[in-house]
C-alpha atoms as a PDB file:
ATOM      1  CA  MET A   1       5.330  -5.262 -15.168  1.00  0.00           C
ATOM      2  CA  GLN A   2       5.560  -2.446 -12.629  1.00  0.00           C
ATOM      3  CA  ALA A   3       2.857  -1.396 -10.285  1.00  0.00           C
ATOM      4  CA  PHE A   4       2.755   1.780  -8.324  1.00  0.00           C
ATOM      5  CA  VAL A   5       0.796   2.506  -5.268  1.00  0.00           C
ATOM      6  CA  ILE A   6       0.371   6.300  -4.834  1.00  0.00           C
ATOM      7  CA  GLY A   7      -0.104   7.364  -1.452  1.00  0.00           C
ATOM      8  CA  THR A   8       1.468   8.100   1.942  1.00  0.00           C
ATOM      9  CA  TYR A   9       2.264   5.326   4.470  1.00  0.00           C
ATOM     10  CA  ARG A  10       2.819   6.356   8.145  1.00  0.00           C
ATOM     11  CA  THR A  11       4.041   4.149  10.943  1.00  0.00           C
ATOM     12  CA  VAL A  12       2.446   6.671  13.414  1.00  0.00           C
ATOM     13  CA  ASP A  13      -0.335   8.977  12.516  1.00  0.00           C
ATOM     14  CA  GLY A  14      -1.640  10.666  15.754  1.00  0.00           C
ATOM     15  CA  GLU A  15      -3.385   8.124  17.643  1.00  0.00           C
ATOM     16  CA  LYS A  16      -3.278   5.547  14.814  1.00  0.00           C
ATOM     17  CA  SER A  17      -0.473   3.339  13.675  1.00  0.00           C
ATOM     18  CA  ASP A  18       0.278   1.691  10.304  1.00  0.00           C
ATOM     19  CA  THR A  19      -1.963   3.924   8.084  1.00  0.00           C
ATOM     20  CA  PHE A  20      -1.926   4.275   4.468  1.00  0.00           C
ATOM     21  CA  LYS A  21      -3.675   7.451   2.863  1.00  0.00           C
ATOM     22  CA  ARG A  22      -4.531   7.473  -0.867  1.00  0.00           C
ATOM     23  CA  GLY A  23      -2.881  10.294  -2.531  1.00  0.00           C
ATOM     24  CA  ALA A  24       0.665  11.606  -1.801  1.00  0.00           C
ATOM     25  CA  ASP A  25       1.904  14.321   0.657  1.00  0.00           C
ATOM     26  CA  SER A  26       4.919  14.539  -1.616  1.00  0.00           C
ATOM     27  CA  PHE A  27       5.853  12.940  -4.794  1.00  0.00           C
ATOM     28  CA  PRO A  28       9.063  11.027  -5.496  1.00  0.00           C
ATOM     29  CA  GLN A  29      11.704  12.493  -7.797  1.00  0.00           C
ATOM     30  CA  ILE A  30      12.773  10.819 -11.046  1.00  0.00           C
ATOM     31  CA  ASP A  31      15.590   8.239 -10.564  1.00  0.00           C
ATOM     32  CA  ARG A  32      15.033   7.835  -6.919  1.00  0.00           C
ATOM     33  CA  ASP A  33      15.260   4.378  -5.136  1.00  0.00           C
ATOM     34  CA  CYS A  34      12.553   1.880  -5.661  1.00  0.00           C
ATOM     35  CA  PHE A  35      11.845  -1.104  -3.250  1.00  0.00           C
ATOM     36  CA  VAL A  36      10.180  -4.442  -3.986  1.00  0.00           C
ATOM     37  CA  ILE A  37       7.650  -5.570  -1.416  1.00  0.00           C
ATOM     38  CA  GLU A  38       6.980  -9.257  -1.649  1.00  0.00           C
ATOM     39  CA  GLY A  39       6.165 -12.399   0.351  1.00  0.00           C
ATOM     40  CA  GLY A  40       5.021 -11.769   4.024  1.00  0.00           C
ATOM     41  CA  ASN A  41       5.877  -8.049   3.720  1.00  0.00           C
ATOM     42  CA  LEU A  42       3.460  -7.812   0.751  1.00  0.00           C
ATOM     43  CA  GLN A  43       0.768  -9.555   2.771  1.00  0.00           C
ATOM     44  CA  ARG A  44       1.188  -7.220   5.707  1.00  0.00           C
ATOM     45  CA  PHE A  45       1.221  -4.095   3.370  1.00  0.00           C
ATOM     46  CA  MET A  46      -1.956  -5.256   1.761  1.00  0.00           C
ATOM     47  CA  GLY A  47      -3.439  -5.865   5.260  1.00  0.00           C
ATOM     48  CA  ILE A  48      -2.730  -2.145   6.036  1.00  0.00           C
ATOM     49  CA  LEU A  49      -4.401  -0.918   2.752  1.00  0.00           C
ATOM     50  CA  GLY A  50      -7.566  -3.085   3.610  1.00  0.00           C
ATOM     51  CA  ALA A  51      -7.687  -2.105   7.333  1.00  0.00           C
ATOM     52  CA  GLY A  52     -11.003  -0.504   8.158  1.00  0.00           C
ATOM     53  CA  LEU A  53     -12.792  -1.852   5.124  1.00  0.00           C
ATOM     54  CA  SER A  54     -15.781  -4.068   5.178  1.00  0.00           C
ATOM     55  CA  ASP A  55     -15.586  -7.505   3.811  1.00  0.00           C
ATOM     56  CA  GLU A  56     -17.485  -6.486   0.703  1.00  0.00           C
ATOM     57  CA  GLU A  57     -14.929  -3.660   0.056  1.00  0.00           C
ATOM     58  CA  ARG A  58     -11.821  -5.819   0.351  1.00  0.00           C
ATOM     59  CA  ILE A  59     -10.156  -7.312  -2.697  1.00  0.00           C
ATOM     60  CA  GLU A  60     -10.446 -11.014  -2.206  1.00  0.00           C
ATOM     61  CA  ALA A  61      -7.979 -12.161  -4.959  1.00  0.00           C
ATOM     62  CA  TRP A  62      -5.755 -10.759  -7.586  1.00  0.00           C
ATOM     63  CA  ASN A  63      -5.250 -12.679 -10.808  1.00  0.00           C
ATOM     64  CA  LEU A  64      -2.701 -11.562 -13.454  1.00  0.00           C
ATOM     65  CA  ARG A  65      -2.753 -13.156 -16.897  1.00  0.00           C
ATOM     66  CA  CYS A  66      -0.248 -12.102 -19.424  1.00  0.00           C
END
């Protein structure tokens, strides 16, 4: 299974830091490097995606069943 998050991550964005914007400012080219995000890094990344959302808007759990 492959999952792709399409968006733009910025470590610094004006006065804000660690922001993720849905949609991409630029699109990757075919056969470019791909990076796996797992463990603590995945938790931190998902925290960035959920920053600024109310509890009702946050995704509480992901379940994958094959």
